[in-house]
């Protein structure tokens, strides 16, 4: 089997395609949550703690000299990413919890007895008539 055919077989397996779709959806979901955290959650938190904008927090190690940019440790962006992670983790936890609840309800639902076919109903009637005689 040639390398190209082997790669094609590998890439077109169902779980690889499903994983790729999951990664793409996860990246899109991550952008939505990052925007939610940065644009909706963080402004009120910053207001509550005195108007601090976390993304701009940094420690300057070496100041800018001429055209050379300053060397900074941007710990505010790190704090922002921690908030993003916590909210994403909470959202995924809630989604999985909801899915597990739905799965449990499906398992607990009593199974409906199968509806007897016309033949079975006729045979049951014949049996009952024969028992009466």
N, C-alpha and C. Protein backbone atom coordinates (compact mmCIF):
# COMPACT_ATOMS: atom_id res chain seq x y z
N UNK A 1 0.85 -1.17 0.00
CA UNK A 1 0.00 0.00 0.00
C UNK A 1 0.90 1.24 0.00
N UNK A 2 0.62 2.16 -0.89
CA UNK A 2 1.46 3.34 -0.97
C UNK A 2 1.19 4.27 0.22
N UNK A 3 2.11 5.15 0.46
CA UNK A 3 2.00 6.10 1.57
C UNK A 3 0.76 6.98 1.40
N UNK A 4 0.45 7.39 0.20
CA UNK A 4 -0.71 8.26 -0.05
C UNK A 4 -2.00 7.51 0.24
N UNK A 5 -2.10 6.26 -0.20
CA UNK A 5 -3.31 5.48 0.06
C UNK A 5 -3.47 5.22 1.56
N UNK A 6 -2.36 4.93 2.23
CA UNK A 6 -2.41 4.69 3.67
C UNK A 6 -2.85 5.95 4.42
N UNK A 7 -2.31 7.10 4.02
CA UNK A 7 -2.70 8.36 4.64
C UNK A 7 -4.18 8.65 4.39
N UNK A 8 -4.64 8.41 3.16
CA UNK A 8 -6.05 8.64 2.82
C UNK A 8 -6.95 7.76 3.68
N UNK A 9 -6.56 6.50 3.86
CA UNK A 9 -7.34 5.59 4.70
C UNK A 9 -7.38 6.09 6.13
N UNK A 10 -6.25 6.57 6.64
CA UNK A 10 -6.17 7.10 7.99
C UNK A 10 -7.02 8.36 8.15
N UNK A 11 -6.89 9.28 7.23
CA UNK A 11 -7.56 10.58 7.34
C UNK A 11 -9.06 10.48 7.17
N UNK A 12 -9.53 9.49 6.45
CA UNK A 12 -10.97 9.41 6.18
C UNK A 12 -11.71 8.51 7.16
N UNK A 13 -11.02 7.98 8.17
CA UNK A 13 -11.73 7.21 9.19
C UNK A 13 -12.67 8.12 9.93
N UNK A 14 -13.76 7.59 10.39
CA UNK A 14 -14.80 8.39 11.03
C UNK A 14 -14.33 9.14 12.25
N UNK A 15 -13.54 8.50 13.13
CA UNK A 15 -13.15 9.18 14.35
C UNK A 15 -12.20 10.34 14.09
N UNK A 16 -11.38 10.27 13.04
CA UNK A 16 -10.49 11.39 12.71
C UNK A 16 -11.31 12.57 12.23
N UNK A 17 -12.30 12.32 11.39
CA UNK A 17 -13.16 13.40 10.89
C UNK A 17 -13.96 14.00 12.04
N UNK A 18 -14.50 13.15 12.92
CA UNK A 18 -15.24 13.65 14.08
C UNK A 18 -14.36 14.51 14.98
N UNK A 19 -13.12 14.06 15.17
CA UNK A 19 -12.19 14.83 16.00
C UNK A 19 -11.90 16.19 15.37
N UNK A 20 -11.72 16.22 14.06
CA UNK A 20 -11.45 17.48 13.38
C UNK A 20 -12.62 18.44 13.54
N UNK A 21 -13.83 17.92 13.39
CA UNK A 21 -15.02 18.77 13.56
C UNK A 21 -15.08 19.28 15.00
N UNK A 22 -14.78 18.42 15.97
CA UNK A 22 -14.79 18.83 17.37
C UNK A 22 -13.77 19.91 17.66
N UNK A 23 -12.59 19.80 17.07
CA UNK A 23 -11.55 20.82 17.28
C UNK A 23 -11.98 22.15 16.69
N UNK A 24 -12.55 22.12 15.50
CA UNK A 24 -13.01 23.36 14.86
C UNK A 24 -14.12 24.00 15.68
N UNK A 25 -15.07 23.18 16.13
CA UNK A 25 -16.17 23.71 16.94
C UNK A 25 -15.65 24.24 18.27
N UNK A 26 -14.67 23.54 18.85
CA UNK A 26 -14.08 23.99 20.11
C UNK A 26 -13.37 25.32 19.96
N UNK A 27 -12.67 25.50 18.86
CA UNK A 27 -11.98 26.77 18.63
C UNK A 27 -12.99 27.91 18.48
N UNK A 28 -14.06 27.65 17.75
CA UNK A 28 -15.09 28.68 17.59
C UNK A 28 -15.76 28.98 18.92
N UNK A 29 -16.04 27.94 19.71
CA UNK A 29 -16.65 28.13 21.02
C UNK A 29 -15.71 28.92 21.93
N UNK A 30 -14.41 28.63 21.83
CA UNK A 30 -13.41 29.35 22.63
C UNK A 30 -13.40 30.84 22.32
N UNK A 31 -13.54 31.18 21.04
CA UNK A 31 -13.58 32.60 20.67
C UNK A 31 -14.82 33.28 21.25
N UNK A 32 -15.95 32.59 21.21
CA UNK A 32 -17.18 33.15 21.76
C UNK A 32 -17.03 33.38 23.26
N UNK A 33 -16.49 32.38 23.96
CA UNK A 33 -16.34 32.52 25.41
C UNK A 33 -15.31 33.60 25.74
N UNK A 34 -14.22 33.67 24.98
CA UNK A 34 -13.23 34.72 25.22
C UNK A 34 -13.85 36.10 25.06
N UNK A 35 -14.66 36.27 24.04
CA UNK A 35 -15.34 37.54 23.84
C UNK A 35 -16.31 37.82 24.98
N UNK A 36 -17.05 36.79 25.42
CA UNK A 36 -17.99 36.94 26.53
C UNK A 36 -17.25 37.38 27.79
N UNK A 37 -16.11 36.74 28.07
CA UNK A 37 -15.35 37.10 29.27
C UNK A 37 -14.79 38.51 29.15
N UNK A 38 -14.14 38.80 28.01
CA UNK A 38 -13.47 40.09 27.84
C UNK A 38 -14.46 41.25 27.74
N UNK A 39 -15.59 41.03 27.06
CA UNK A 39 -16.50 42.14 26.77
C UNK A 39 -17.69 42.24 27.70
N UNK A 40 -18.04 41.17 28.38
CA UNK A 40 -19.24 41.19 29.24
C UNK A 40 -18.89 41.01 30.71
N UNK A 41 -18.04 40.03 31.03
CA UNK A 41 -17.75 39.71 32.43
C UNK A 41 -16.71 40.66 33.03
N UNK A 42 -15.61 40.87 32.32
CA UNK A 42 -14.50 41.62 32.90
C UNK A 42 -14.78 43.10 33.13
N UNK A 43 -15.51 43.81 32.29
CA UNK A 43 -15.75 45.23 32.60
C UNK A 43 -16.44 45.45 33.96
N UNK A 44 -17.49 44.70 34.32
CA UNK A 44 -18.06 44.92 35.65
C UNK A 44 -17.10 44.52 36.77
N UNK A 45 -16.32 43.45 36.57
CA UNK A 45 -15.35 43.06 37.60
C UNK A 45 -14.30 44.15 37.76
N UNK A 46 -13.82 44.68 36.63
CA UNK A 46 -12.86 45.77 36.69
C UNK A 46 -13.43 46.99 37.38
N UNK A 47 -14.70 47.28 37.14
CA UNK A 47 -15.37 48.41 37.79
C UNK A 47 -15.47 48.19 39.30
N UNK A 48 -15.79 46.96 39.69
CA UNK A 48 -15.91 46.65 41.12
C UNK A 48 -14.58 46.77 41.86
N UNK A 49 -13.48 46.47 41.17
CA UNK A 49 -12.19 46.53 41.85
C UNK A 49 -11.43 47.82 41.52
N UNK A 50 -12.14 48.83 41.10
CA UNK A 50 -11.55 50.14 40.92
C UNK A 50 -11.13 50.47 39.50
N UNK A 51 -11.79 49.93 38.52
CA UNK A 51 -11.52 50.29 37.13
C UNK A 51 -10.27 49.66 36.55
N UNK A 52 -9.78 48.58 37.14
CA UNK A 52 -8.58 47.93 36.63
C UNK A 52 -8.94 47.10 35.40
N UNK A 53 -8.16 47.28 34.35
CA UNK A 53 -8.30 46.47 33.15
C UNK A 53 -7.21 45.41 33.19
N UNK A 54 -7.58 44.15 33.37
CA UNK A 54 -6.59 43.09 33.56
C UNK A 54 -5.64 42.95 32.38
N UNK A 55 -6.13 43.09 31.17
CA UNK A 55 -5.27 42.84 30.01
C UNK A 55 -4.13 43.84 29.90
N UNK A 56 -4.25 45.00 30.52
CA UNK A 56 -3.19 46.00 30.45
C UNK A 56 -2.21 45.92 31.61
N UNK A 57 -2.42 45.00 32.55
CA UNK A 57 -1.51 44.87 33.67
C UNK A 57 -0.21 44.23 33.21
N UNK A 58 0.90 44.85 33.54
CA UNK A 58 2.21 44.33 33.14
C UNK A 58 3.29 44.90 34.05
N UNK A 59 4.38 44.18 34.12
CA UNK A 59 5.56 44.64 34.84
C UNK A 59 6.62 44.94 33.79
N UNK A 60 7.17 46.13 33.84
CA UNK A 60 8.20 46.51 32.87
C UNK A 60 9.56 46.09 33.42
N UNK A 61 10.23 45.24 32.67
CA UNK A 61 11.56 44.77 33.08
C UNK A 61 12.62 45.75 32.59
N UNK A 62 12.45 46.17 31.35
CA UNK A 62 13.40 47.12 30.77
C UNK A 62 12.60 48.10 29.93
N UNK A 63 12.77 49.36 30.18
CA UNK A 63 12.03 50.39 29.47
C UNK A 63 12.44 50.47 28.00
N UNK A 64 11.58 51.12 27.23
CA UNK A 64 11.84 51.30 25.80
C UNK A 64 13.01 52.25 25.61
N UNK A 65 13.89 51.91 24.68
CA UNK A 65 15.04 52.75 24.36
C UNK A 65 15.03 52.98 22.86
N UNK A 66 14.80 54.22 22.45
CA UNK A 66 14.76 54.53 21.03
C UNK A 66 13.63 53.76 20.35
N UNK A 67 13.98 53.00 19.31
CA UNK A 67 12.99 52.21 18.59
C UNK A 67 12.81 50.81 19.18
N UNK A 68 13.61 50.46 20.17
CA UNK A 68 13.50 49.15 20.81
C UNK A 68 12.33 49.19 21.79
N UNK A 69 11.44 48.22 21.66
CA UNK A 69 10.25 48.17 22.52
C UNK A 69 10.64 47.76 23.94
N UNK A 70 9.79 48.13 24.87
CA UNK A 70 10.02 47.78 26.27
C UNK A 70 9.83 46.27 26.46
N UNK A 71 10.57 45.73 27.42
CA UNK A 71 10.44 44.32 27.77
C UNK A 71 9.51 44.25 28.97
N UNK A 72 8.37 43.57 28.79
CA UNK A 72 7.37 43.52 29.85
C UNK A 72 6.92 42.09 30.12
N UNK A 73 6.46 41.88 31.34
CA UNK A 73 5.79 40.64 31.71
C UNK A 73 4.31 40.97 31.79
N UNK A 74 3.53 40.46 30.85
CA UNK A 74 2.11 40.79 30.74
C UNK A 74 1.26 39.83 31.58
N UNK A 75 1.30 39.99 32.89
CA UNK A 75 0.56 39.08 33.75
C UNK A 75 -0.94 39.33 33.68
N UNK A 76 -1.37 40.48 33.23
CA UNK A 76 -2.79 40.76 33.09
C UNK A 76 -3.43 39.87 32.03
N UNK A 77 -2.72 39.64 30.93
CA UNK A 77 -3.24 38.74 29.90
C UNK A 77 -3.35 37.32 30.45
N UNK A 78 -2.39 36.94 31.31
CA UNK A 78 -2.44 35.63 31.94
C UNK A 78 -3.68 35.50 32.83
N UNK A 79 -3.96 36.53 33.62
CA UNK A 79 -5.16 36.52 34.47
C UNK A 79 -6.41 36.42 33.60
N UNK A 80 -6.43 37.15 32.49
CA UNK A 80 -7.57 37.10 31.57
C UNK A 80 -7.76 35.68 31.02
N UNK A 81 -6.65 35.03 30.66
CA UNK A 81 -6.74 33.66 30.14
C UNK A 81 -7.22 32.68 31.21
N UNK A 82 -6.86 32.92 32.46
CA UNK A 82 -7.35 32.06 33.55
C UNK A 82 -8.87 32.21 33.66
N UNK A 83 -9.37 33.45 33.61
CA UNK A 83 -10.82 33.66 33.65
C UNK A 83 -11.49 32.98 32.46
N UNK A 84 -10.91 33.11 31.27
CA UNK A 84 -11.44 32.44 30.08
C UNK A 84 -11.53 30.93 30.30
N UNK A 85 -10.44 30.36 30.81
CA UNK A 85 -10.41 28.92 31.04
C UNK A 85 -11.48 28.49 32.03
N UNK A 86 -11.61 29.21 33.13
CA UNK A 86 -12.59 28.84 34.15
C UNK A 86 -14.02 28.90 33.60
N UNK A 87 -14.31 29.90 32.80
CA UNK A 87 -15.67 30.01 32.25
C UNK A 87 -15.90 28.93 31.20
N UNK A 88 -14.90 28.64 30.37
CA UNK A 88 -15.04 27.56 29.38
C UNK A 88 -15.23 26.23 30.10
N UNK A 89 -14.44 25.99 31.15
CA UNK A 89 -14.56 24.74 31.90
C UNK A 89 -15.95 24.63 32.54
N UNK A 90 -16.45 25.74 33.08
CA UNK A 90 -17.79 25.73 33.67
C UNK A 90 -18.86 25.46 32.61
N UNK A 91 -18.72 26.07 31.45
CA UNK A 91 -19.70 25.86 30.37
C UNK A 91 -19.68 24.41 29.89
N UNK A 92 -18.49 23.84 29.73
CA UNK A 92 -18.40 22.44 29.30
C UNK A 92 -18.96 21.52 30.38
N UNK A 93 -18.66 21.81 31.65
CA UNK A 93 -19.20 21.01 32.74
C UNK A 93 -20.72 21.02 32.73
N UNK A 94 -21.30 22.21 32.55
CA UNK A 94 -22.77 22.32 32.55
C UNK A 94 -23.37 21.58 31.35
N UNK A 95 -22.71 21.66 30.18
CA UNK A 95 -23.21 20.95 29.00
C UNK A 95 -23.15 19.44 29.21
N UNK A 96 -22.05 18.94 29.75
CA UNK A 96 -21.93 17.50 30.00
C UNK A 96 -22.92 17.05 31.06
N UNK A 97 -23.11 17.87 32.09
CA UNK A 97 -24.08 17.54 33.14
C UNK A 97 -25.48 17.46 32.55
N UNK A 98 -25.84 18.39 31.67
CA UNK A 98 -27.16 18.37 31.03
C UNK A 98 -27.31 17.13 30.15
N UNK A 99 -26.25 16.78 29.40
CA UNK A 99 -26.30 15.60 28.54
C UNK A 99 -26.46 14.34 29.39
N UNK A 100 -25.73 14.25 30.51
CA UNK A 100 -25.85 13.08 31.39
C UNK A 100 -27.24 12.98 31.98
N UNK A 101 -27.84 14.11 32.32
CA UNK A 101 -29.20 14.11 32.85
C UNK A 101 -30.19 13.60 31.80
N UNK A 102 -30.03 14.06 30.57
CA UNK A 102 -30.91 13.59 29.49
C UNK A 102 -30.72 12.10 29.23
N UNK A 103 -29.47 11.64 29.26
CA UNK A 103 -29.20 10.22 29.04
C UNK A 103 -29.82 9.38 30.15
N UNK A 104 -29.73 9.88 31.39
CA UNK A 104 -30.28 9.15 32.52
C UNK A 104 -31.80 9.07 32.41
N UNK A 105 -32.44 10.16 31.96
CA UNK A 105 -33.89 10.16 31.79
C UNK A 105 -34.31 9.14 30.73
N UNK A 106 -33.53 9.02 29.66
CA UNK A 106 -33.84 8.05 28.62
C UNK A 106 -33.73 6.64 29.15
N UNK A 107 -32.71 6.39 29.99
CA UNK A 107 -32.53 5.06 30.55
C UNK A 107 -33.63 4.72 31.55
N UNK A 108 -34.07 5.72 32.33
CA UNK A 108 -35.07 5.49 33.36
C UNK A 108 -36.48 5.41 32.80
N UNK A 109 -36.70 5.93 31.62
CA UNK A 109 -38.05 5.92 31.05
C UNK A 109 -38.51 4.48 30.88
N UNK A 110 -39.71 4.17 31.39
CA UNK A 110 -40.19 2.80 31.25
C UNK A 110 -40.42 2.45 29.78
N UNK A 111 -39.98 1.27 29.44
CA UNK A 111 -40.13 0.83 28.05
C UNK A 111 -41.59 0.47 27.80
N UNK A 112 -42.11 0.99 26.73
CA UNK A 112 -43.48 0.68 26.34
C UNK A 112 -43.52 -0.75 25.83
N UNK A 113 -44.51 -1.53 26.29
CA UNK A 113 -44.60 -2.88 25.74
C UNK A 113 -44.93 -2.80 24.26
N UNK A 114 -44.38 -3.70 23.49
CA UNK A 114 -44.63 -3.63 22.04
C UNK A 114 -46.12 -3.86 21.75
N UNK A 115 -46.61 -3.12 20.78
CA UNK A 115 -48.01 -3.26 20.37
C UNK A 115 -48.16 -4.58 19.63
N UNK A 116 -49.11 -5.42 20.06
CA UNK A 116 -49.25 -6.71 19.39
C UNK A 116 -49.72 -6.53 17.94
N UNK A 117 -49.24 -7.42 17.10
CA UNK A 117 -49.64 -7.37 15.69
C UNK A 117 -51.06 -7.91 15.57
N UNK A 118 -51.65 -7.74 14.39
CA UNK A 118 -53.02 -8.23 14.15
C UNK A 118 -53.09 -9.74 14.31
N UNK A 119 -52.05 -10.43 13.85
CA UNK A 119 -52.03 -11.89 13.97
C UNK A 119 -52.03 -12.31 15.44
N UNK A 120 -51.21 -11.61 16.25
CA UNK A 120 -51.14 -11.94 17.67
C UNK A 120 -52.49 -11.69 18.34
N UNK A 121 -53.13 -10.59 17.97
CA UNK A 121 -54.44 -10.28 18.57
C UNK A 121 -55.46 -11.35 18.19
N UNK A 122 -55.46 -11.77 16.92
CA UNK A 122 -56.39 -12.81 16.48
C UNK A 122 -56.11 -14.14 17.18
N UNK A 123 -54.83 -14.47 17.32
CA UNK A 123 -54.48 -15.72 18.01
C UNK A 123 -54.89 -15.67 19.48
N UNK A 124 -54.74 -14.50 20.09
CA UNK A 124 -55.16 -14.34 21.49
C UNK A 124 -56.67 -14.53 21.61
N UNK A 125 -57.43 -13.96 20.70
CA UNK A 125 -58.89 -14.12 20.72
C UNK A 125 -59.27 -15.58 20.53
N UNK A 126 -58.61 -16.27 19.60
CA UNK A 126 -58.91 -17.69 19.36
C UNK A 126 -58.60 -18.50 20.61
N UNK A 127 -57.46 -18.21 21.24
CA UNK A 127 -57.09 -18.93 22.46
C UNK A 127 -58.14 -18.72 23.55
N UNK A 128 -58.57 -17.47 23.72
CA UNK A 128 -59.57 -17.16 24.75
C UNK A 128 -60.90 -17.86 24.46
N UNK A 129 -61.30 -17.91 23.18
CA UNK A 129 -62.55 -18.59 22.82
C UNK A 129 -62.44 -20.08 23.10
N UNK A 130 -61.27 -20.68 22.76
CA UNK A 130 -61.07 -22.10 23.02
C UNK A 130 -61.04 -22.41 24.52
N UNK A 131 -60.55 -21.54 25.32
CA UNK A 131 -60.53 -21.74 26.77
C UNK A 131 -61.96 -21.73 27.32
N UNK A 132 -62.81 -20.89 26.73
CA UNK A 132 -64.19 -20.78 27.21
C UNK A 132 -64.99 -22.02 26.89
N UNK A 133 -64.65 -22.74 25.85
CA UNK A 133 -65.43 -23.91 25.42
C UNK A 133 -65.08 -25.14 26.17
